[in-house]
C-alpha atoms as a PDB file:
ATOM      1  CA  ASN A   1      14.597   7.518   3.533  1.00  0.00           C
ATOM      2  CA  ASN A   2      16.923   6.805   6.420  1.00  0.00           C
ATOM      3  CA  VAL A   3      15.594   5.524   9.699  1.00  0.00           C
ATOM      4  CA  LYS A   4      15.614   7.672  12.432  1.00  0.00           C
ATOM      5  CA  THR A   5      16.576   6.450  15.867  1.00  0.00           C
ATOM      6  CA  GLY A   6      15.930   7.374  19.287  1.00  0.00           C
ATOM      7  CA  THR A   7      12.571   9.198  18.187  1.00  0.00           C
ATOM      8  CA  GLY A   8      10.050   6.559  19.233  1.00  0.00           C
ATOM      9  CA  VAL A   9       8.061   4.561  16.825  1.00  0.00           C
ATOM     10  CA  GLN A  10       8.165   5.919  13.139  1.00  0.00           C
ATOM     11  CA  ILE A  11       5.652   5.690  10.227  1.00  0.00           C
ATOM     12  CA  TYR A  12       7.303   6.277   6.800  1.00  0.00           C
ATOM     13  CA  LEU A  13       4.628   6.681   3.990  1.00  0.00           C
ATOM     14  CA  TYR A  14       5.610   6.457   0.210  1.00  0.00           C
ATOM     15  CA  GLY A  15       3.397   7.858  -2.400  1.00  0.00           C
ATOM     16  CA  GLU A  16       3.537   5.955  -6.113  1.00  0.00           C
ATOM     17  CA  GLU A  17       2.303   5.825  -9.347  1.00  0.00           C
ATOM     18  CA  HIS A  18       0.655   2.146  -9.394  1.00  0.00           C
ATOM     19  CA  SER A  19       2.373  -0.460 -11.267  1.00  0.00           C
ATOM     20  CA  LYS A  20       5.179   1.895 -12.486  1.00  0.00           C
ATOM     21  CA  GLN A  21       8.676  -0.182 -12.740  1.00  0.00           C
ATOM     22  CA  SER A  22      10.744   2.519 -11.667  1.00  0.00           C
ATOM     23  CA  ILE A  23       8.821   3.349  -8.815  1.00  0.00           C
ATOM     24  CA  LEU A  24       8.582  -0.367  -7.707  1.00  0.00           C
ATOM     25  CA  ASP A  25      12.320  -0.834  -8.153  1.00  0.00           C
ATOM     26  CA  LYS A  26      12.617   2.353  -5.782  1.00  0.00           C
ATOM     27  CA  GLU A  27      10.178   0.759  -3.213  1.00  0.00           C
ATOM     28  CA  LEU A  28      12.032  -2.460  -3.191  1.00  0.00           C
ATOM     29  CA  SER A  29      15.063  -0.888  -2.432  1.00  0.00           C
ATOM     30  CA  ILE A  30      13.703   1.428   0.421  1.00  0.00           C
ATOM     31  CA  TRP A  31      11.861  -1.717   1.710  1.00  0.00           C
ATOM     32  CA  GLY A  32      15.255  -3.758   1.586  1.00  0.00           C
ATOM     33  CA  GLU A  33      17.075  -0.888   3.585  1.00  0.00           C
ATOM     34  CA  TYR A  34      14.116  -0.894   6.428  1.00  0.00           C
ATOM     35  CA  TYR A  35      14.107  -4.836   6.458  1.00  0.00           C
ATOM     36  CA  GLU A  36      18.028  -5.006   7.191  1.00  0.00           C
ATOM     37  CA  LYS A  37      17.215  -2.363  10.231  1.00  0.00           C
ATOM     38  CA  GLY A  38      14.649  -4.811  11.520  1.00  0.00           C
ATOM     39  CA  MET A  39      11.461  -3.471   9.981  1.00  0.00           C
ATOM     40  CA  ARG A  40       8.981  -6.086   8.856  1.00  0.00           C
ATOM     41  CA  ASP A  41       5.381  -4.653   8.329  1.00  0.00           C
ATOM     42  CA  LEU A  42       4.572  -3.164   5.096  1.00  0.00           C
ATOM     43  CA  PHE A  43       1.299  -1.381   5.104  1.00  0.00           C
ATOM     44  CA  VAL A  44      -0.316  -1.355   1.296  1.00  0.00           C
ATOM     45  CA  GLU A  45      -3.441  -0.132  -0.591  1.00  0.00           C
ATOM     46  CA  PHE A  46      -5.167  -3.361  -0.470  1.00  0.00           C
ATOM     47  CA  PRO A  47      -8.259  -4.419   1.129  1.00  0.00           C
ATOM     48  CA  TYR A  48      -7.675  -6.420   4.561  1.00  0.00           C
ATOM     49  CA  THR A  49      -8.602  -9.560   3.012  1.00  0.00           C
ATOM     50  CA  ASP A  50      -6.300  -9.557   0.012  1.00  0.00           C
ATOM     51  CA  ALA A  51      -3.237  -8.583   1.998  1.00  0.00           C
ATOM     52  CA  GLN A  52      -4.337 -11.553   4.500  1.00  0.00           C
ATOM     53  CA  PHE A  53      -4.272 -13.906   1.339  1.00  0.00           C
ATOM     54  CA  LEU A  54      -0.840 -12.429   0.552  1.00  0.00           C
ATOM     55  CA  ASN A  55       0.557 -13.482   4.053  1.00  0.00           C
ATOM     56  CA  LEU A  56      -0.721 -16.874   3.600  1.00  0.00           C
ATOM     57  CA  TRP A  57       0.989 -16.772   0.150  1.00  0.00           C
ATOM     58  CA  MET A  58       4.370 -15.883   1.874  1.00  0.00           C
ATOM     59  CA  GLN A  59       4.175 -18.909   3.892  1.00  0.00           C
ATOM     60  CA  ALA A  60       3.343 -21.373   0.870  1.00  0.00           C
ATOM     61  CA  ASP A  61       5.460 -23.588  -1.205  1.00  0.00           C
ATOM     62  CA  ASP A  62       3.890 -22.240  -4.542  1.00  0.00           C
ATOM     63  CA  ASP A  63       2.215 -19.172  -6.342  1.00  0.00           C
ATOM     64  CA  GLU A  64      -1.344 -20.498  -6.481  1.00  0.00           C
ATOM     65  CA  LEU A  65      -2.757 -17.726  -4.121  1.00  0.00           C
ATOM     66  CA  LEU A  66      -0.975 -15.208  -5.628  1.00  0.00           C
ATOM     67  CA  ASP A  67      -2.367 -16.449  -8.942  1.00  0.00           C
ATOM     68  CA  LEU A  68      -5.681 -16.298  -7.550  1.00  0.00           C
ATOM     69  CA  GLN A  69      -5.215 -12.774  -6.172  1.00  0.00           C
ATOM     70  CA  PHE A  70      -4.342 -11.375  -9.444  1.00  0.00           C
ATOM     71  CA  LYS A  71      -6.979 -12.870 -11.016  1.00  0.00           C
ATOM     72  CA  ASP A  72      -9.135 -11.331  -8.699  1.00  0.00           C
ATOM     73  CA  TRP A  73      -7.341  -7.740  -9.702  1.00  0.00           C
ATOM     74  CA  LYS A  74      -7.469  -8.201 -13.235  1.00  0.00           C
ATOM     75  CA  GLY A  75      -8.041  -5.074 -14.988  1.00  0.00           C
ATOM     76  CA  THR A  76      -7.261  -2.534 -12.103  1.00  0.00           C
ATOM     77  CA  GLU A  77      -4.410  -0.083 -11.637  1.00  0.00           C
ATOM     78  CA  GLY A  78      -2.624  -2.829  -9.652  1.00  0.00           C
ATOM     79  CA  GLY A  79      -3.580  -6.147 -11.448  1.00  0.00           C
ATOM     80  CA  THR A  80      -0.526  -6.183 -13.588  1.00  0.00           C
ATOM     81  CA  GLU A  81       2.768  -8.107 -14.170  1.00  0.00           C
ATOM     82  CA  VAL A  82       5.060  -5.659 -12.887  1.00  0.00           C
ATOM     83  CA  GLU A  83       3.199  -5.484  -9.630  1.00  0.00           C
ATOM     84  CA  LYS A  84       3.290  -9.295  -9.517  1.00  0.00           C
ATOM     85  CA  ASN A  85       6.969  -9.586 -10.219  1.00  0.00           C
ATOM     86  CA  PHE A  86       7.267  -6.797  -7.470  1.00  0.00           C
ATOM     87  CA  LEU A  87       5.764  -8.909  -4.844  1.00  0.00           C
ATOM     88  CA  LYS A  88       7.603 -12.059  -5.906  1.00  0.00           C
ATOM     89  CA  GLN A  89      10.640 -10.234  -5.212  1.00  0.00           C
ATOM     90  CA  ILE A  90       9.397  -9.218  -1.844  1.00  0.00           C
ATOM     91  CA  LYS A  91       8.758 -12.962  -0.840  1.00  0.00           C
ATOM     92  CA  GLU A  92      12.058 -13.952  -2.201  1.00  0.00           C
ATOM     93  CA  GLN A  93      14.459 -11.522  -0.837  1.00  0.00           C
ATOM     94  CA  TYR A  94      12.476 -10.226   2.296  1.00  0.00           C
ATOM     95  CA  PRO A  95      10.419 -13.369   3.464  1.00  0.00           C
ATOM     96  CA  GLU A  96       9.552 -12.405   6.572  1.00  0.00           C
ATOM     97  CA  THR A  97       7.272  -9.422   5.016  1.00  0.00           C
ATOM     98  CA  VAL A  98       3.935  -8.920   6.972  1.00  0.00           C
ATOM     99  CA  PHE A  99       1.339  -7.071   4.731  1.00  0.00           C
ATOM    100  CA  HIS A 100      -1.294  -5.104   6.219  1.00  0.00           C
ATOM    101  CA  GLY A 101      -4.025  -3.955   4.149  1.00  0.00           C
ATOM    102  CA  THR A 102      -5.706  -0.908   5.017  1.00  0.00           C
ATOM    103  CA  ASP A 103      -8.461  -0.136   2.196  1.00  0.00           C
ATOM    104  CA  VAL A 104     -11.656  -0.681   1.686  1.00  0.00           C
ATOM    105  CA  GLY A 105     -13.078  -4.007   0.372  1.00  0.00           C
ATOM    106  CA  HIS A 106     -12.962  -3.351  -3.249  1.00  0.00           C
ATOM    107  CA  THR A 107     -12.968  -7.073  -4.107  1.00  0.00           C
ATOM    108  CA  TRP A 108     -15.911  -7.794  -1.925  1.00  0.00           C
ATOM    109  CA  ARG A 109     -17.564  -9.844  -4.904  1.00  0.00           C
ATOM    110  CA  SER A 110     -14.031 -11.972  -5.145  1.00  0.00           C
ATOM    111  CA  THR A 111     -11.587 -12.174  -2.742  1.00  0.00           C
ATOM    112  CA  GLY A 112     -13.605 -11.144   0.317  1.00  0.00           C
ATOM    113  CA  PRO A 113     -15.920 -14.180   0.016  1.00  0.00           C
ATOM    114  CA  ARG A 114     -12.952 -16.280  -0.676  1.00  0.00           C
ATOM    115  CA  TYR A 115     -11.474 -15.428   2.275  1.00  0.00           C
ATOM    116  CA  LEU A 116     -14.639 -15.924   4.565  1.00  0.00           C
ATOM    117  CA  LYS A 117     -14.757 -19.146   3.050  1.00  0.00           C
ATOM    118  CA  TYR A 118     -11.309 -19.906   3.870  1.00  0.00           C
ATOM    119  CA  LEU A 119     -11.832 -18.654   7.528  1.00  0.00           C
ATOM    120  CA  LYS A 120     -14.905 -20.810   7.938  1.00  0.00           C
ATOM    121  CA  SER A 121     -12.936 -24.060   6.825  1.00  0.00           C
ATOM    122  CA  THR A 122     -10.276 -23.349   9.404  1.00  0.00           C
ATOM    123  CA  GLY A 123     -12.744 -23.102  12.180  1.00  0.00           C
ATOM    124  CA  GLN A 124     -12.157 -19.296  12.476  1.00  0.00           C
ATOM    125  CA  MET A 125     -15.893 -18.008  12.095  1.00  0.00           C
ATOM    126  CA  ASP A 126     -16.286 -17.016  15.925  1.00  0.00           C
ATOM    127  CA  THR A 127     -12.966 -15.115  15.778  1.00  0.00           C
ATOM    128  CA  GLU A 128     -11.865 -11.248  15.704  1.00  0.00           C
ATOM    129  CA  GLU A 129     -10.180 -11.898  12.105  1.00  0.00           C
ATOM    130  CA  TYR A 130     -13.705 -13.039  10.793  1.00  0.00           C
ATOM    131  CA  GLN A 131     -15.364  -9.872  11.929  1.00  0.00           C
ATOM    132  CA  ARG A 132     -12.447  -7.752  10.474  1.00  0.00           C
ATOM    133  CA  ALA A 133     -12.842  -9.456   7.241  1.00  0.00           C
ATOM    134  CA  LEU A 134     -16.889  -9.142   7.405  1.00  0.00           C
ATOM    135  CA  LEU A 135     -16.069  -5.333   8.059  1.00  0.00           C
ATOM    136  CA  ASN A 136     -14.063  -4.789   5.225  1.00  0.00           C
ATOM    137  CA  ILE A 137     -16.310  -6.344   2.620  1.00  0.00           C
ATOM    138  CA  GLN A 138     -19.144  -4.162   4.136  1.00  0.00           C
ATOM    139  CA  GLN A 139     -16.904  -1.006   3.488  1.00  0.00           C
ATOM    140  CA  GLY A 140     -16.189  -1.862   0.007  1.00  0.00           C
ATOM    141  CA  LYS A 141     -20.057  -2.589  -0.595  1.00  0.00           C
ATOM    142  CA  ARG A 142     -20.850   0.951   1.061  1.00  0.00           C
ATOM    143  CA  TYR A 143     -18.118   2.818  -0.937  1.00  0.00           C
ATOM    144  CA  GLU A 144     -19.565   1.483  -4.023  1.00  0.00           C
ATOM    145  CA  ARG A 145     -22.915   2.230  -3.199  1.00  0.00           C
ATOM    146  CA  ILE A 146     -21.943   5.997  -2.449  1.00  0.00           C
ATOM    147  CA  ARG A 147     -20.032   6.148  -5.441  1.00  0.00           C
ATOM    148  CA  GLN A 148     -22.873   5.419  -7.760  1.00  0.00           C
ATOM    149  CA  THR A 149     -24.407   8.776  -7.040  1.00  0.00           C
ATOM    150  CA  ASN A 150     -21.642  10.975  -5.581  1.00  0.00           C
ATOM    151  CA  GLU A 151     -17.983  10.382  -6.346  1.00  0.00           C
ATOM    152  CA  GLU A 152     -16.592  13.161  -3.871  1.00  0.00           C
ATOM    153  CA  ALA A 153     -18.649  11.652  -1.077  1.00  0.00           C
ATOM    154  CA  ALA A 154     -17.474   8.365  -1.841  1.00  0.00           C
ATOM    155  CA  GLU A 155     -13.835   9.401  -2.006  1.00  0.00           C
ATOM    156  CA  GLN A 156     -13.920  11.106   1.370  1.00  0.00           C
ATOM    157  CA  TYR A 157     -15.673   7.957   2.773  1.00  0.00           C
ATOM    158  CA  ARG A 158     -13.047   5.692   1.519  1.00  0.00           C
ATOM    159  CA  GLU A 159     -10.195   8.215   2.970  1.00  0.00           C
ATOM    160  CA  ASP A 160     -11.938   8.026   6.629  1.00  0.00           C
ATOM    161  CA  ARG A 161     -12.123   4.301   6.342  1.00  0.00           C
ATOM    162  CA  MET A 162      -8.665   3.896   5.301  1.00  0.00           C
ATOM    163  CA  VAL A 163      -7.451   6.128   8.235  1.00  0.00           C
ATOM    164  CA  GLU A 164      -9.333   3.906  10.725  1.00  0.00           C
ATOM    165  CA  ASN A 165      -8.079   0.685   9.120  1.00  0.00           C
ATOM    166  CA  PHE A 166      -4.709   1.910   9.265  1.00  0.00           C
ATOM    167  CA  GLN A 167      -4.895   3.217  12.991  1.00  0.00           C
ATOM    168  CA  ARG A 168      -6.571  -0.119  14.129  1.00  0.00           C
ATOM    169  CA  SER A 169      -3.616  -2.294  12.273  1.00  0.00           C
ATOM    170  CA  TYR A 170      -0.796   0.248  13.693  1.00  0.00           C
ATOM    171  CA  GLN A 171      -2.480  -0.041  17.386  1.00  0.00           C
ATOM    172  CA  GLU A 172      -2.313  -3.589  17.326  1.00  0.00           C
ATOM    173  CA  LEU A 173       1.192  -3.722  16.243  1.00  0.00           C
ATOM    174  CA  GLU A 174       1.966  -1.103  18.786  1.00  0.00           C
ATOM    175  CA  GLU A 175       0.236  -3.100  21.660  1.00  0.00           C
ATOM    176  CA  THR A 176       2.320  -6.318  20.674  1.00  0.00           C
ATOM    177  CA  TYR A 177       5.880  -4.817  20.244  1.00  0.00           C
ATOM    178  CA  ARG A 178       7.296  -1.330  19.308  1.00  0.00           C
ATOM    179  CA  THR A 179       8.101  -0.967  15.610  1.00  0.00           C
ATOM    180  CA  ASP A 180       8.642   1.389  12.808  1.00  0.00           C
ATOM    181  CA  ILE A 181       6.501   0.661   9.761  1.00  0.00           C
ATOM    182  CA  MET A 182       6.432   1.565   6.123  1.00  0.00           C
ATOM    183  CA  GLY A 183       3.627   2.023   3.809  1.00  0.00           C
ATOM    184  CA  ILE A 184       2.770   2.125   0.133  1.00  0.00           C
ATOM    185  CA  TYR A 185       0.092   3.950  -1.240  1.00  0.00           C
ATOM    186  CA  GLY A 186      -1.037   5.921  -4.471  1.00  0.00           C
ATOM    187  CA  ASN A 187       0.557   9.547  -4.203  1.00  0.00           C
ATOM    188  CA  ALA A 188      -2.955  11.010  -3.896  1.00  0.00           C
ATOM    189  CA  HIS A 189      -3.283   9.535  -0.303  1.00  0.00           C
ATOM    190  CA  VAL A 190       0.176  10.375   0.662  1.00  0.00           C
ATOM    191  CA  THR A 191       1.168  13.895  -0.418  1.00  0.00           C
ATOM    192  CA  ASN A 192      -1.912  14.831  -2.430  1.00  0.00           C
ATOM    193  CA  PRO A 193      -0.057  16.972  -5.025  1.00  0.00           C
ATOM    194  CA  ASP A 194      -2.982  17.840  -7.278  1.00  0.00           C
ATOM    195  CA  GLN A 195      -5.365  18.559  -4.136  1.00  0.00           C
ATOM    196  CA  THR A 196      -7.872  16.241  -5.308  1.00  0.00           C
ATOM    197  CA  LEU A 197      -8.534  15.164  -1.669  1.00  0.00           C
ATOM    198  CA  ALA A 198      -7.106  18.353  -0.119  1.00  0.00           C
ATOM    199  CA  ALA A 199      -9.438  18.571   2.912  1.00  0.00           C
ATOM    200  CA  TYR A 200      -9.472  14.674   3.855  1.00  0.00           C
ATOM    201  CA  TYR A 201      -6.951  12.671   2.270  1.00  0.00           C
ATOM    202  CA  MET A 202      -5.270   9.835   4.505  1.00  0.00           C
ATOM    203  CA  ALA A 203      -1.837  11.277   5.274  1.00  0.00           C
ATOM    204  CA  LYS A 204      -3.366  14.755   6.382  1.00  0.00           C
ATOM    205  CA  GLN A 205      -5.775  12.720   8.841  1.00  0.00           C
ATOM    206  CA  LEU A 206      -2.811  10.767  10.237  1.00  0.00           C
ATOM    207  CA  LYS A 207      -0.642  13.689  10.699  1.00  0.00           C
ATOM    208  CA  GLU A 208      -3.216  15.053  13.081  1.00  0.00           C
ATOM    209  CA  SER A 209      -3.034  11.773  14.946  1.00  0.00           C
ATOM    210  CA  TYR A 210       0.639  10.811  14.705  1.00  0.00           C
ATOM    211  CA  GLY A 211       2.403  14.298  14.276  1.00  0.00           C
ATOM    212  CA  GLU A 212       6.194  14.191  13.787  1.00  0.00           C
ATOM    213  CA  LYS A 213       6.181  10.386  13.878  1.00  0.00           C
ATOM    214  CA  LEU A 214       4.594  10.603  10.370  1.00  0.00           C
ATOM    215  CA  HIS A 215       6.996  10.697   7.463  1.00  0.00           C
ATOM    216  CA  THR A 216       5.991  11.242   3.839  1.00  0.00           C
ATOM    217  CA  ALA A 217       7.798  11.105   0.462  1.00  0.00           C
ATOM    218  CA  ASP A 218       6.536  11.411  -2.992  1.00  0.00           C
ATOM    219  CA  LEU A 219       8.140   9.004  -5.363  1.00  0.00           C
ATOM    220  CA  THR A 220       6.426  10.141  -8.393  1.00  0.00           C
ATOM    221  CA  GLN A 221       8.817  13.376  -8.503  1.00  0.00           C
ATOM    222  CA  GLU A 222      12.013  11.156  -8.317  1.00  0.00           C
ATOM    223  CA  PRO A 223      13.857  10.992 -11.532  1.00  0.00           C
ATOM    224  CA  GLN A 224      14.232   7.854 -13.257  1.00  0.00           C
ATOM    225  CA  ARG A 225      17.517   8.399 -14.002  1.00  0.00           C
ATOM    226  CA  ILE A 226      20.247  11.159 -13.836  1.00  0.00           C
ATOM    227  CA  ASP A 227      22.434  11.770 -17.279  1.00  0.00           C
ATOM    228  CA  THR A 228      25.501  13.987 -18.060  1.00  0.00           C
ATOM    229  CA  LEU A 229      25.085  15.692 -21.457  1.00  0.00           C
ATOM    230  CA  GLU A 230      27.635  17.164 -23.281  1.00  0.00           C
ATOM    231  CA  VAL A 231      26.170  20.619 -25.278  1.00  0.00           C
ATOM    232  CA  SER A 232      28.323  22.879 -27.242  1.00  0.00           C
ATOM    233  CA  GLY A 233      31.581  21.964 -25.249  1.00  0.00           C
ATOM    234  CA  LYS A 234      29.672  22.197 -21.935  1.00  0.00           C
ATOM    235  CA  THR A 235      28.550  19.708 -19.514  1.00  0.00           C
ATOM    236  CA  TYR A 236      25.044  19.649 -18.171  1.00  0.00           C
ATOM    237  CA  THR A 237      23.164  17.510 -15.724  1.00  0.00           C
ATOM    238  CA  ALA A 238      19.891  15.952 -16.675  1.00  0.00           C
ATOM    239  CA  PHE A 239      16.976  14.657 -14.855  1.00  0.00           C
ATOM    240  CA  TYR A 240      14.524  12.255 -16.627  1.00  0.00           C
ATOM    241  CA  TYR A 241      11.359  11.790 -15.436  1.00  0.00           C
ATOM    242  CA  GLY A 242       9.857   9.535 -18.012  1.00  0.00           C
ATOM    243  CA  GLU A 243       7.815  10.606 -21.009  1.00  0.00           C
ATOM    244  CA  GLN A 244       4.193  11.680 -21.946  1.00  0.00           C
ATOM    245  CA  ASP A 245       2.492  11.022 -25.310  1.00  0.00           C
ATOM    246  CA  ILE A 246       0.416  14.112 -25.848  1.00  0.00           C
ATOM    247  CA  SER A 247      -0.164  13.494 -29.666  1.00  0.00           C
END
């Protein structure tokens, strides 16, 4: 988890289980370490429009925009109170954080149109920003359309778009200033331990472009805590990874 120096711009991707408190705590700690060293750009598994609203919320004096966003996310793996509190902690502790959403526009029925309306109201219809938002909405619609008939093809389409969106946002940063970046994604997109997307998952494709600059870590395999146990007069180290109800 240490930032490497002298090796050019680095990309650190962390695979998570969504809305798991112990993993969110770890991510907050990792981001804090990077933030102290000057990193500000956090890539996330949100649609582009959703992340842009989060950036507006970061500059706001209240949580109205955050509440609206979680209303749009209701019922999803990320639309939870623990995720909401995680974002609030980022705003409180690391206020200069900039979110970069690189997923397809899953919220094309809600957040997407709402963001277009915001851009119209602020006179930004003839901007690259508006076109980027439209593209993200179109990606979400197409993903949903493909998914209705072919789940595997839909996931491949999504991974390819996530790669394109990631590279577009990263290139924009490189053109502005050289910076290391951190990314938080579901672990299937980062280390793919169960090989569900083996041929084309996001990090595998990014590795082909960025090579040794790309670093990945699986936070789902880290213990939640480490205890010392006494058994029959001997001391043992025990790693606790959580519990699973198999009843």
